[in-house]
Amino acid sequence: MSKTIKQIDLALLEQLSQRANRTTRLRSHFNIHDSHDEPVQRFLNVMQPGTYVQPHRHSSPPKWELTLVLSGRALILLFDNDGRVTHRFELLADGPLRAIEIPAATWHTVLALQPATALLELKEGPFIGSKKEKDFATWAPAEGDSGVDELLERLTTASVGDRLA
């Protein structure tokens, strides 16, 4: 077990923001946990507007996910099995809603609405690999596929009840 005190400061967030700007995915993460075997995975995810997180769920095995915004503004959408928006949450670092916990096996995505949006994410562990950890929605394009830019625009303005499939 780690005895190292870990700090999240503005310098780290700025470093991750700059790294995110240099990636094609427009995001960068930093693991706080020491091992993928830990029962709770903890990490920072710094995102820029325009990043695309394909709607997905953590269902095999079912895992919850908690997201807390540290800076910026994020949009989290939850969906039903057919790609219909069931919930819309705007998380603001200085706003009334700063965190949500997504129930296990719930379809969801996250978008950065402001530059350098920094999220602290907590998920049940252990981490067994992203392809095995997630079911990706077949009603949404995969990262890099045609249709991503159009879907990002639709996601940004989507309301509860809208079907994106």
Protein backbone atom coordinates (compact mmCIF):
# COMPACT_ATOMS: atom_id res chain seq x y z
CA MET A 1 0.00 0.00 0.00
CA SER A 2 1.31 3.44 -0.91
CA LYS A 3 2.37 5.80 1.84
CA THR A 4 3.04 8.65 -0.58
CA ILE A 5 1.02 11.81 -0.09
CA LYS A 6 -0.40 12.83 -3.44
CA GLN A 7 -1.27 16.40 -4.27
CA ILE A 8 -3.42 17.89 -6.99
CA ASP A 9 -2.31 21.46 -7.55
CA LEU A 10 -2.76 24.11 -10.23
CA ALA A 11 0.61 23.30 -11.77
CA LEU A 12 -0.45 19.68 -12.37
CA LEU A 13 -3.77 20.76 -13.86
CA GLU A 14 -2.00 23.22 -16.17
CA GLN A 15 0.48 20.54 -17.26
CA LEU A 16 -2.39 18.16 -18.08
CA SER A 17 -4.26 20.92 -19.92
CA GLN A 18 -1.23 21.66 -22.09
CA ARG A 19 -0.78 17.96 -22.78
CA ALA A 20 -4.46 17.65 -23.73
CA ASN A 21 -4.03 20.51 -26.22
CA ARG A 22 -1.26 18.53 -27.95
CA THR A 23 -3.22 15.28 -28.33
CA THR A 24 -5.64 14.41 -31.11
CA ARG A 25 -8.13 13.27 -28.45
CA LEU A 26 -7.97 16.69 -26.69
CA ARG A 27 -7.70 15.11 -23.25
CA SER A 28 -5.09 13.88 -20.83
CA HIS A 29 -5.32 11.81 -17.67
CA PHE A 30 -3.22 11.31 -14.57
CA ASN A 31 -3.63 8.23 -12.37
CA ILE A 32 -3.74 8.87 -8.66
CA HIS A 33 -4.05 5.19 -7.78
CA ASP A 34 -0.86 3.13 -7.70
CA SER A 35 -2.15 -0.04 -9.32
CA HIS A 36 -4.88 -1.19 -11.68
CA ASP A 37 -5.67 -3.81 -9.03
CA GLU A 38 -6.89 -1.27 -6.46
CA PRO A 39 -10.58 -1.54 -5.52
CA VAL A 40 -11.17 2.15 -6.34
CA GLN A 41 -9.54 3.70 -9.39
CA ARG A 42 -8.83 7.45 -8.95
CA PHE A 43 -7.61 9.73 -11.69
CA LEU A 44 -7.69 13.20 -13.19
CA ASN A 45 -9.09 13.68 -16.67
CA VAL A 46 -8.42 17.10 -18.22
CA MET A 47 -10.43 17.77 -21.36
CA GLN A 48 -10.69 20.45 -24.00
CA PRO A 49 -13.85 21.34 -25.94
CA GLY A 50 -14.15 19.11 -28.99
CA THR A 51 -13.02 15.93 -27.28
CA TYR A 52 -15.32 12.98 -27.93
CA VAL A 53 -16.03 10.26 -25.42
CA GLN A 54 -18.14 7.64 -27.19
CA PRO A 55 -21.22 6.87 -25.11
CA HIS A 56 -20.49 3.77 -23.06
CA ARG A 57 -21.38 1.87 -19.92
CA HIS A 58 -19.48 -0.22 -17.40
CA SER A 59 -21.55 -3.39 -17.25
CA SER A 60 -19.22 -6.38 -17.25
CA PRO A 61 -18.81 -6.38 -14.34
CA PRO A 62 -21.22 -3.56 -13.41
CA LYS A 63 -19.35 -0.57 -11.97
CA TRP A 64 -20.40 2.85 -10.70
CA GLU A 65 -18.50 6.03 -11.59
CA LEU A 66 -18.25 9.31 -9.68
CA THR A 67 -17.20 12.51 -11.48
CA LEU A 68 -16.28 15.76 -9.71
CA VAL A 69 -15.38 18.89 -11.69
CA LEU A 70 -12.30 20.70 -10.36
CA SER A 71 -12.13 23.43 -13.01
CA GLY A 72 -14.15 24.44 -16.01
CA ARG A 73 -17.55 23.17 -17.07
CA ALA A 74 -18.57 19.66 -18.11
CA LEU A 75 -21.73 18.17 -19.54
CA ILE A 76 -22.68 14.62 -18.62
CA LEU A 77 -25.51 12.90 -20.47
CA LEU A 78 -27.11 9.60 -19.50
CA PHE A 79 -29.01 7.48 -22.03
CA ASP A 80 -31.37 4.56 -22.26
CA ASN A 81 -30.56 1.48 -24.35
CA ASP A 82 -31.93 3.14 -27.51
CA GLY A 83 -29.80 6.30 -27.28
CA ARG A 84 -32.48 8.54 -25.78
CA VAL A 85 -31.22 11.14 -23.27
CA THR A 86 -32.59 10.33 -19.82
CA HIS A 87 -30.61 12.87 -17.78
CA ARG A 88 -28.54 15.99 -18.49
CA PHE A 89 -26.12 17.36 -15.89
CA GLU A 90 -23.92 20.45 -16.20
CA LEU A 91 -21.10 20.37 -13.69
CA LEU A 92 -19.46 23.71 -12.89
CA ALA A 93 -16.39 24.13 -10.72
CA ASP A 94 -17.96 27.24 -9.17
CA GLY A 95 -21.59 26.27 -9.69
CA PRO A 96 -24.39 24.60 -7.82
CA LEU A 97 -23.75 21.10 -9.23
CA ARG A 98 -20.16 19.89 -9.00
CA ALA A 99 -20.35 16.09 -8.97
CA ILE A 100 -22.55 13.15 -9.87
CA GLU A 101 -22.32 9.43 -9.35
CA ILE A 102 -23.39 7.40 -12.36
CA PRO A 103 -25.01 4.08 -11.43
CA ALA A 104 -23.42 0.88 -12.68
CA ALA A 105 -24.27 -0.22 -16.23
CA THR A 106 -25.68 3.21 -17.22
CA TRP A 107 -24.98 4.56 -20.72
CA HIS A 108 -23.20 7.92 -20.47
CA THR A 109 -20.83 10.40 -22.07
CA VAL A 110 -19.01 13.55 -20.95
CA LEU A 111 -18.16 16.72 -22.87
CA ALA A 112 -15.93 19.66 -21.96
CA LEU A 113 -17.84 22.92 -22.35
CA GLN A 114 -14.90 25.14 -21.34
CA PRO A 115 -11.17 24.90 -22.01
CA ALA A 116 -9.09 23.03 -19.43
CA THR A 117 -12.04 21.29 -17.82
CA ALA A 118 -10.53 19.11 -15.11
CA LEU A 119 -12.43 16.14 -13.69
CA LEU A 120 -11.61 13.93 -10.75
CA GLU A 121 -13.02 10.50 -11.58
CA LEU A 122 -13.51 7.59 -9.22
CA LYS A 123 -14.54 4.16 -10.46
CA GLU A 124 -14.79 0.73 -8.99
CA GLY A 125 -11.70 -1.36 -9.60
CA PRO A 126 -9.87 -3.32 -10.53
CA PHE A 127 -9.19 -1.91 -14.00
CA ILE A 128 -8.96 -4.74 -16.51
CA GLY A 129 -8.44 -2.77 -19.72
CA SER A 130 -10.57 -0.20 -21.53
CA LYS A 131 -11.85 -2.52 -24.27
CA LYS A 132 -12.98 -5.05 -21.66
CA GLU A 133 -14.19 -2.46 -19.15
CA LYS A 134 -16.68 -0.71 -21.40
CA ASP A 135 -19.56 -1.53 -23.67
CA PHE A 136 -19.57 1.12 -26.39
CA ALA A 137 -22.93 2.27 -27.74
CA THR A 138 -23.60 0.92 -31.22
CA TRP A 139 -25.94 3.89 -31.81
CA ALA A 140 -23.01 6.35 -31.63
CA PRO A 141 -19.93 6.57 -33.86
CA ALA A 142 -16.61 5.32 -32.52
CA GLU A 143 -13.75 7.77 -31.93
CA GLY A 144 -12.33 8.87 -35.27
CA ASP A 145 -15.34 7.74 -37.32
CA SER A 146 -17.34 10.00 -39.59
CA GLY A 147 -20.29 11.55 -37.80
CA VAL A 148 -18.40 12.39 -34.60
CA ASP A 149 -18.42 16.17 -35.20
CA GLU A 150 -22.13 16.15 -36.00
CA LEU A 151 -22.90 14.07 -32.90
CA LEU A 152 -20.80 16.38 -30.69
CA GLU A 153 -22.94 19.32 -31.82
CA ARG A 154 -26.12 17.38 -31.10
CA LEU A 155 -24.84 16.24 -27.70
CA THR A 156 -24.00 19.79 -26.63
CA THR A 157 -27.61 20.93 -27.08
CA ALA A 158 -29.39 17.64 -26.36
CA SER A 159 -32.35 17.72 -23.98
CA VAL A 160 -33.89 14.98 -21.92
CA GLY A 161 -36.04 12.91 -24.27
CA ASP A 162 -33.95 13.56 -27.39
CA ARG A 163 -32.95 10.40 -29.23
CA LEU A 164 -29.47 10.48 -30.68
CA ALA A 165 -29.58 7.13 -32.46
